Amino acid sequence: MRRVRPGGTTQGALTSVAAGGTYEEPRDLPRLWHVTLSVAGKSVPLTDLRRALEQLAHDHPFLLTSRYASDHAEIRYWEEARDLHDAAAVALRLWGEHRLSAGLPPWEIVGLEVIDRETYHQRIAEGYGPPPATPVGVHPF
């Protein structure tokens, strides 16, 4: 809501709730999305891959867990984004953008799942879907 001051100048947007009214969260605020990124490619030494995934976890502070084998890996983390499109776009860039700085292998993305927090918790409560990421960190499959 914009208010016009005397003289025609405007005042910044205000949010208020009338007495007895209800407050609705603005729709464009960031939300949390659970991301599972799967990558695969030619086999690499496990010690090098583990070190690279640990560096990725350091570079990307929201990384929850990584599981890996010599020719594939799965990365799970929470992303804060306005909508699913934004969360997916960030996820699809993650591997490539950190490849050199973390020393990640030149693998391709072979899978991506992005779900909202409510769906993630609903799946867990119903007994299907990936279990909560414990222990957090980098682990072999």
C-alpha atoms as a PDB file:
ATOM      1  CA  MET A   1       0.000   0.000   0.000  1.00  0.00           C
ATOM      2  CA  ARG A   2       1.461   3.392  -0.980  1.00  0.00           C
ATOM      3  CA  ARG A   3       0.493   6.519   0.864  1.00  0.00           C
ATOM      4  CA  VAL A   4       0.580   9.945  -0.725  1.00  0.00           C
ATOM      5  CA  ARG A   5       1.844  12.728   1.503  1.00  0.00           C
ATOM      6  CA  PRO A   6       0.555  16.269   1.204  1.00  0.00           C
ATOM      7  CA  GLY A   7       2.292  17.794  -1.794  1.00  0.00           C
ATOM      8  CA  GLY A   8       2.110  14.572  -3.847  1.00  0.00           C
ATOM      9  CA  THR A   9       5.181  12.686  -2.513  1.00  0.00           C
ATOM     10  CA  THR A  10       4.822   8.987  -1.707  1.00  0.00           C
ATOM     11  CA  GLN A  11       5.834   7.098   1.388  1.00  0.00           C
ATOM     12  CA  GLY A  12       7.334   3.547   1.262  1.00  0.00           C
ATOM     13  CA  ALA A  13       5.168   0.417   1.222  1.00  0.00           C
ATOM     14  CA  LEU A  14       3.458  -0.339   4.506  1.00  0.00           C
ATOM     15  CA  THR A  15       1.917  -3.578   5.675  1.00  0.00           C
ATOM     16  CA  SER A  16      -0.823  -3.463   8.230  1.00  0.00           C
ATOM     17  CA  VAL A  17      -3.658  -5.634   9.421  1.00  0.00           C
ATOM     18  CA  ALA A  18      -6.985  -4.094  10.235  1.00  0.00           C
ATOM     19  CA  ALA A  19      -8.537  -4.969  13.586  1.00  0.00           C
ATOM     20  CA  GLY A  20     -10.041  -8.434  13.248  1.00  0.00           C
ATOM     21  CA  GLY A  21      -8.216  -9.037   9.938  1.00  0.00           C
ATOM     22  CA  THR A  22      -5.736 -11.788   9.207  1.00  0.00           C
ATOM     23  CA  TYR A  23      -2.157 -11.414   8.066  1.00  0.00           C
ATOM     24  CA  GLU A  24      -1.049 -13.287   4.951  1.00  0.00           C
ATOM     25  CA  GLU A  25       2.642 -13.875   4.271  1.00  0.00           C
ATOM     26  CA  PRO A  26       3.756 -12.210   1.018  1.00  0.00           C
ATOM     27  CA  ARG A  27       4.111 -14.868  -1.689  1.00  0.00           C
ATOM     28  CA  ASP A  28       7.527 -13.782  -2.923  1.00  0.00           C
ATOM     29  CA  LEU A  29       9.449 -14.406   0.328  1.00  0.00           C
ATOM     30  CA  PRO A  30      12.180 -17.067   0.157  1.00  0.00           C
ATOM     31  CA  ARG A  31      11.222 -20.607   1.184  1.00  0.00           C
ATOM     32  CA  LEU A  32      13.295 -23.678   2.011  1.00  0.00           C
ATOM     33  CA  TRP A  33      13.586 -26.390  -0.627  1.00  0.00           C
ATOM     34  CA  HIS A  34      15.129 -29.836  -0.151  1.00  0.00           C
ATOM     35  CA  VAL A  35      17.444 -30.602  -3.061  1.00  0.00           C
ATOM     36  CA  THR A  36      18.852 -33.971  -4.097  1.00  0.00           C
ATOM     37  CA  LEU A  37      21.436 -33.684  -6.873  1.00  0.00           C
ATOM     38  CA  SER A  38      22.785 -36.870  -8.505  1.00  0.00           C
ATOM     39  CA  VAL A  39      25.947 -36.814 -10.611  1.00  0.00           C
ATOM     40  CA  ALA A  40      27.854 -39.562 -12.427  1.00  0.00           C
ATOM     41  CA  GLY A  41      30.785 -40.119 -14.755  1.00  0.00           C
ATOM     42  CA  LYS A  42      34.069 -41.941 -15.205  1.00  0.00           C
ATOM     43  CA  SER A  43      35.502 -43.612 -12.127  1.00  0.00           C
ATOM     44  CA  VAL A  44      37.858 -41.498  -9.984  1.00  0.00           C
ATOM     45  CA  PRO A  45      39.959 -42.335  -6.907  1.00  0.00           C
ATOM     46  CA  LEU A  46      37.745 -42.341  -3.803  1.00  0.00           C
ATOM     47  CA  THR A  47      40.173 -40.305  -1.688  1.00  0.00           C
ATOM     48  CA  ASP A  48      40.221 -37.508  -4.293  1.00  0.00           C
ATOM     49  CA  LEU A  49      36.438 -37.573  -4.574  1.00  0.00           C
ATOM     50  CA  ARG A  50      35.948 -37.473  -0.814  1.00  0.00           C
ATOM     51  CA  ARG A  51      38.325 -34.518  -0.486  1.00  0.00           C
ATOM     52  CA  ALA A  52      36.477 -32.691  -3.307  1.00  0.00           C
ATOM     53  CA  LEU A  53      33.055 -33.316  -1.716  1.00  0.00           C
ATOM     54  CA  GLU A  54      34.354 -32.127   1.653  1.00  0.00           C
ATOM     55  CA  GLN A  55      35.606 -28.945  -0.028  1.00  0.00           C
ATOM     56  CA  LEU A  56      32.193 -28.505  -1.695  1.00  0.00           C
ATOM     57  CA  ALA A  57      30.566 -28.842   1.732  1.00  0.00           C
ATOM     58  CA  HIS A  58      32.897 -26.123   3.024  1.00  0.00           C
ATOM     59  CA  ASP A  59      32.175 -23.857   0.022  1.00  0.00           C
ATOM     60  CA  HIS A  60      28.407 -24.439   0.134  1.00  0.00           C
ATOM     61  CA  PRO A  61      27.419 -24.078   3.811  1.00  0.00           C
ATOM     62  CA  PHE A  62      23.897 -25.508   3.421  1.00  0.00           C
ATOM     63  CA  LEU A  63      25.191 -28.904   2.261  1.00  0.00           C
ATOM     64  CA  LEU A  64      23.720 -31.595   4.501  1.00  0.00           C
ATOM     65  CA  THR A  65      25.182 -34.793   3.228  1.00  0.00           C
ATOM     66  CA  SER A  66      26.975 -36.362   0.304  1.00  0.00           C
ATOM     67  CA  ARG A  67      27.113 -40.036  -0.539  1.00  0.00           C
ATOM     68  CA  TYR A  68      29.594 -41.242  -3.088  1.00  0.00           C
ATOM     69  CA  ALA A  69      31.108 -44.145  -4.999  1.00  0.00           C
ATOM     70  CA  SER A  70      33.957 -43.996  -7.504  1.00  0.00           C
ATOM     71  CA  ASP A  71      31.618 -43.245 -10.435  1.00  0.00           C
ATOM     72  CA  HIS A  72      28.617 -41.405  -8.915  1.00  0.00           C
ATOM     73  CA  ALA A  73      27.537 -39.222  -6.020  1.00  0.00           C
ATOM     74  CA  GLU A  74      24.392 -37.840  -4.430  1.00  0.00           C
ATOM     75  CA  ILE A  75      24.310 -34.468  -2.718  1.00  0.00           C
ATOM     76  CA  ARG A  76      21.454 -33.426  -0.434  1.00  0.00           C
ATOM     77  CA  TYR A  77      20.968 -29.985   1.011  1.00  0.00           C
ATOM     78  CA  TRP A  78      18.476 -27.217   1.781  1.00  0.00           C
ATOM     79  CA  GLU A  79      18.267 -24.238  -0.540  1.00  0.00           C
ATOM     80  CA  GLU A  80      16.559 -20.966   0.254  1.00  0.00           C
ATOM     81  CA  ALA A  81      14.797 -19.604  -2.825  1.00  0.00           C
ATOM     82  CA  ARG A  82      11.686 -17.713  -3.839  1.00  0.00           C
ATOM     83  CA  ASP A  83      10.250 -20.637  -5.813  1.00  0.00           C
ATOM     84  CA  LEU A  84      11.042 -24.069  -7.212  1.00  0.00           C
ATOM     85  CA  HIS A  85      12.416 -22.623 -10.453  1.00  0.00           C
ATOM     86  CA  ASP A  86      15.009 -20.575  -8.580  1.00  0.00           C
ATOM     87  CA  ALA A  87      15.998 -23.501  -6.332  1.00  0.00           C
ATOM     88  CA  ALA A  88      16.369 -25.826  -9.336  1.00  0.00           C
ATOM     89  CA  ALA A  89      18.425 -23.263 -11.252  1.00  0.00           C
ATOM     90  CA  VAL A  90      20.868 -22.908  -8.351  1.00  0.00           C
ATOM     91  CA  ALA A  91      21.078 -26.706  -7.991  1.00  0.00           C
ATOM     92  CA  LEU A  92      21.795 -27.196 -11.689  1.00  0.00           C
ATOM     93  CA  ARG A  93      24.688 -24.715 -11.472  1.00  0.00           C
ATOM     94  CA  LEU A  94      26.147 -26.064  -8.205  1.00  0.00           C
ATOM     95  CA  TRP A  95      28.364 -28.817  -9.625  1.00  0.00           C
ATOM     96  CA  GLY A  96      29.755 -26.777 -12.505  1.00  0.00           C
ATOM     97  CA  GLU A  97      30.356 -23.609 -10.514  1.00  0.00           C
ATOM     98  CA  HIS A  98      32.296 -25.444  -7.795  1.00  0.00           C
ATOM     99  CA  ARG A  99      34.034 -27.948 -10.061  1.00  0.00           C
ATOM    100  CA  LEU A 100      37.365 -26.162 -10.246  1.00  0.00           C
ATOM    101  CA  SER A 101      37.433 -24.592  -6.773  1.00  0.00           C
ATOM    102  CA  ALA A 102      36.519 -27.863  -5.022  1.00  0.00           C
ATOM    103  CA  GLY A 103      38.346 -30.195  -7.444  1.00  0.00           C
ATOM    104  CA  LEU A 104      35.168 -32.072  -8.404  1.00  0.00           C
ATOM    105  CA  PRO A 105      35.359 -34.597 -11.264  1.00  0.00           C
ATOM    106  CA  PRO A 106      33.947 -33.618 -14.689  1.00  0.00           C
ATOM    107  CA  TRP A 107      30.747 -35.581 -14.145  1.00  0.00           C
ATOM    108  CA  GLU A 108      27.338 -34.761 -15.514  1.00  0.00           C
ATOM    109  CA  ILE A 109      24.162 -34.181 -13.560  1.00  0.00           C
ATOM    110  CA  VAL A 110      21.986 -37.273 -13.984  1.00  0.00           C
ATOM    111  CA  GLY A 111      19.196 -36.467 -11.542  1.00  0.00           C
ATOM    112  CA  LEU A 112      17.599 -33.618  -9.669  1.00  0.00           C
ATOM    113  CA  GLU A 113      14.759 -33.521  -7.163  1.00  0.00           C
ATOM    114  CA  VAL A 114      13.577 -30.304  -5.557  1.00  0.00           C
ATOM    115  CA  ILE A 115      10.711 -30.440  -3.057  1.00  0.00           C
ATOM    116  CA  ASP A 116       9.371 -27.944  -0.556  1.00  0.00           C
ATOM    117  CA  ARG A 117       9.898 -28.391   3.172  1.00  0.00           C
ATOM    118  CA  GLU A 118       6.285 -29.410   3.786  1.00  0.00           C
ATOM    119  CA  THR A 119       6.463 -32.202   1.177  1.00  0.00           C
ATOM    120  CA  TYR A 120       9.794 -33.405   2.560  1.00  0.00           C
ATOM    121  CA  HIS A 121       8.418 -33.689   6.100  1.00  0.00           C
ATOM    122  CA  GLN A 122       5.193 -35.280   4.845  1.00  0.00           C
ATOM    123  CA  ARG A 123       7.185 -38.003   3.062  1.00  0.00           C
ATOM    124  CA  ILE A 124       9.237 -38.691   6.179  1.00  0.00           C
ATOM    125  CA  ALA A 125       6.098 -38.863   8.358  1.00  0.00           C
ATOM    126  CA  GLU A 126       4.473 -41.318   5.927  1.00  0.00           C
ATOM    127  CA  GLY A 127       7.548 -43.553   5.995  1.00  0.00           C
ATOM    128  CA  TYR A 128       8.798 -43.114   2.460  1.00  0.00           C
ATOM    129  CA  GLY A 129      11.270 -40.845   0.771  1.00  0.00           C
ATOM    130  CA  PRO A 130      14.862 -40.364   1.852  1.00  0.00           C
ATOM    131  CA  PRO A 131      15.446 -40.574   5.586  1.00  0.00           C
ATOM    132  CA  PRO A 132      16.681 -37.413   7.291  1.00  0.00           C
ATOM    133  CA  ALA A 133      20.311 -36.746   6.473  1.00  0.00           C
ATOM    134  CA  THR A 134      22.071 -38.195   9.474  1.00  0.00           C
ATOM    135  CA  PRO A 135      24.864 -38.280  10.027  1.00  0.00           C
ATOM    136  CA  VAL A 136      25.569 -35.015   8.259  1.00  0.00           C
ATOM    137  CA  GLY A 137      28.712 -35.022   6.144  1.00  0.00           C
ATOM    138  CA  VAL A 138      30.430 -36.920   3.346  1.00  0.00           C
ATOM    139  CA  HIS A 139      29.995 -40.711   3.352  1.00  0.00           C
ATOM    140  CA  PRO A 140      30.459 -43.641   0.976  1.00  0.00           C
ATOM    141  CA  PHE A 141      27.315 -45.379  -0.332  1.00  0.00           C
END
